[in-house]
Amino acid sequence: MTSETAFWFYVFSKKSRLPLTASHCVKKIITEMCVLEVTENGLLMTEINPEFTVEQVKAATAAPITVSENLKSMTD
């Protein structure tokens, strides 16, 4: 387990109300704020709720986020 993977596991284990089953199982995270893809390089925001800004999403997320060059609205 890399240090980055350990960090994500820590974040999700502290924040999640759902049972965690295994590492490397999650490929996509969908919230009311945005859609995040889990990549080898970290979290990639691919869609955003137009009611929120990128800055608000980043402030609400413990892990670092990269914004996709093709960021889409969740309402499209």
C-alpha atoms as a PDB file:
ATOM      1  CA  MET A   1       0.000   0.000   0.000  1.00  0.00           C
ATOM      2  CA  THR A   2       1.449   3.355  -1.020  1.00  0.00           C
ATOM      3  CA  SER A   3       1.332   6.337   1.319  1.00  0.00           C
ATOM      4  CA  GLU A   4      -1.250   7.989  -0.956  1.00  0.00           C
ATOM      5  CA  THR A   5      -3.463   4.891  -0.890  1.00  0.00           C
ATOM      6  CA  ALA A   6      -3.115   4.753   2.887  1.00  0.00           C
ATOM      7  CA  PHE A   7      -4.176   8.409   3.076  1.00  0.00           C
ATOM      8  CA  TRP A   8      -7.318   7.753   1.000  1.00  0.00           C
ATOM      9  CA  PHE A   9      -8.153   4.699   3.079  1.00  0.00           C
ATOM     10  CA  TYR A  10      -7.811   6.803   6.229  1.00  0.00           C
ATOM     11  CA  VAL A  11     -10.013   9.580   4.803  1.00  0.00           C
ATOM     12  CA  PHE A  12     -12.747   7.211   3.653  1.00  0.00           C
ATOM     13  CA  SER A  13     -12.647   5.128   6.831  1.00  0.00           C
ATOM     14  CA  LYS A  14     -13.065   8.266   8.962  1.00  0.00           C
ATOM     15  CA  LYS A  15     -15.753   9.894   6.793  1.00  0.00           C
ATOM     16  CA  SER A  16     -17.694   6.925   5.423  1.00  0.00           C
ATOM     17  CA  ARG A  17     -20.801   5.674   7.141  1.00  0.00           C
ATOM     18  CA  LEU A  18     -20.720   2.584   4.938  1.00  0.00           C
ATOM     19  CA  PRO A  19     -18.633  -0.516   5.652  1.00  0.00           C
ATOM     20  CA  LEU A  20     -15.351  -0.663   3.737  1.00  0.00           C
ATOM     21  CA  THR A  21     -14.728  -4.019   2.093  1.00  0.00           C
ATOM     22  CA  ALA A  22     -11.380  -3.827   0.302  1.00  0.00           C
ATOM     23  CA  SER A  23      -8.853  -1.358  -1.051  1.00  0.00           C
ATOM     24  CA  HIS A  24      -8.773  -0.493  -4.772  1.00  0.00           C
ATOM     25  CA  CYS A  25     -12.471  -1.349  -5.248  1.00  0.00           C
ATOM     26  CA  VAL A  26     -13.763   2.193  -5.654  1.00  0.00           C
ATOM     27  CA  LYS A  27     -13.421   3.626  -9.157  1.00  0.00           C
ATOM     28  CA  LYS A  28     -15.928   6.502  -8.940  1.00  0.00           C
ATOM     29  CA  ILE A  29     -17.319   8.639  -6.112  1.00  0.00           C
ATOM     30  CA  ILE A  30     -20.644  10.396  -6.694  1.00  0.00           C
ATOM     31  CA  THR A  31     -21.827  13.066  -4.247  1.00  0.00           C
ATOM     32  CA  GLU A  32     -24.313  15.914  -4.315  1.00  0.00           C
ATOM     33  CA  MET A  33     -21.390  18.225  -5.131  1.00  0.00           C
ATOM     34  CA  CYS A  34     -19.494  16.387  -7.854  1.00  0.00           C
ATOM     35  CA  VAL A  35     -18.372  13.174  -9.518  1.00  0.00           C
ATOM     36  CA  LEU A  36     -14.812  12.053  -8.756  1.00  0.00           C
ATOM     37  CA  GLU A  37     -12.899   9.319 -10.548  1.00  0.00           C
ATOM     38  CA  VAL A  38     -10.272   7.484  -8.510  1.00  0.00           C
ATOM     39  CA  THR A  39      -7.097   7.321 -10.618  1.00  0.00           C
ATOM     40  CA  GLU A  40      -3.505   6.276  -9.987  1.00  0.00           C
ATOM     41  CA  ASN A  41      -2.687   9.993  -9.687  1.00  0.00           C
ATOM     42  CA  GLY A  42      -5.441  10.792  -7.191  1.00  0.00           C
ATOM     43  CA  LEU A  43      -9.002  12.075  -7.391  1.00  0.00           C
ATOM     44  CA  LEU A  44     -10.125  13.577 -10.705  1.00  0.00           C
ATOM     45  CA  MET A  45     -13.269  15.726 -10.714  1.00  0.00           C
ATOM     46  CA  THR A  46     -15.104  14.991 -13.966  1.00  0.00           C
ATOM     47  CA  GLU A  47     -18.522  16.529 -13.216  1.00  0.00           C
ATOM     48  CA  ILE A  48     -19.711  19.289 -10.904  1.00  0.00           C
ATOM     49  CA  ASN A  49     -23.098  20.357  -9.576  1.00  0.00           C
ATOM     50  CA  PRO A  50     -23.654  23.912 -10.893  1.00  0.00           C
ATOM     51  CA  GLU A  51     -24.833  24.941  -7.414  1.00  0.00           C
ATOM     52  CA  PHE A  52     -21.213  24.628  -6.201  1.00  0.00           C
ATOM     53  CA  THR A  53     -17.874  26.079  -7.253  1.00  0.00           C
ATOM     54  CA  VAL A  54     -14.665  24.114  -7.699  1.00  0.00           C
ATOM     55  CA  GLU A  55     -13.280  25.940  -4.669  1.00  0.00           C
ATOM     56  CA  GLN A  56     -16.241  24.829  -2.510  1.00  0.00           C
ATOM     57  CA  VAL A  57     -15.772  21.200  -3.567  1.00  0.00           C
ATOM     58  CA  LYS A  58     -12.047  21.319  -2.813  1.00  0.00           C
ATOM     59  CA  ALA A  59     -12.705  22.909   0.587  1.00  0.00           C
ATOM     60  CA  ALA A  60     -15.184  20.150   1.465  1.00  0.00           C
ATOM     61  CA  THR A  61     -12.858  17.294   0.447  1.00  0.00           C
ATOM     62  CA  ALA A  62      -9.985  16.077   2.622  1.00  0.00           C
ATOM     63  CA  ALA A  63      -8.006  14.576  -0.264  1.00  0.00           C
ATOM     64  CA  PRO A  64      -6.429  16.675  -3.026  1.00  0.00           C
ATOM     65  CA  ILE A  65      -8.518  16.959  -6.214  1.00  0.00           C
ATOM     66  CA  THR A  66      -7.447  17.530  -9.815  1.00  0.00           C
ATOM     67  CA  VAL A  67     -10.044  19.155 -12.074  1.00  0.00           C
ATOM     68  CA  SER A  68     -10.559  17.506 -15.458  1.00  0.00           C
ATOM     69  CA  GLU A  69      -9.856  19.604 -18.534  1.00  0.00           C
ATOM     70  CA  ASN A  70     -13.267  18.362 -19.746  1.00  0.00           C
ATOM     71  CA  LEU A  71     -15.201  19.207 -16.566  1.00  0.00           C
ATOM     72  CA  LYS A  72     -18.943  18.798 -17.208  1.00  0.00           C
ATOM     73  CA  SER A  73     -22.046  19.885 -15.380  1.00  0.00           C
ATOM     74  CA  MET A  74     -23.881  17.130 -13.491  1.00  0.00           C
ATOM     75  CA  THR A  75     -27.149  18.442 -14.949  1.00  0.00           C
ATOM     76  CA  ASP A  76     -26.203  17.832 -18.603  1.00  0.00           C
END
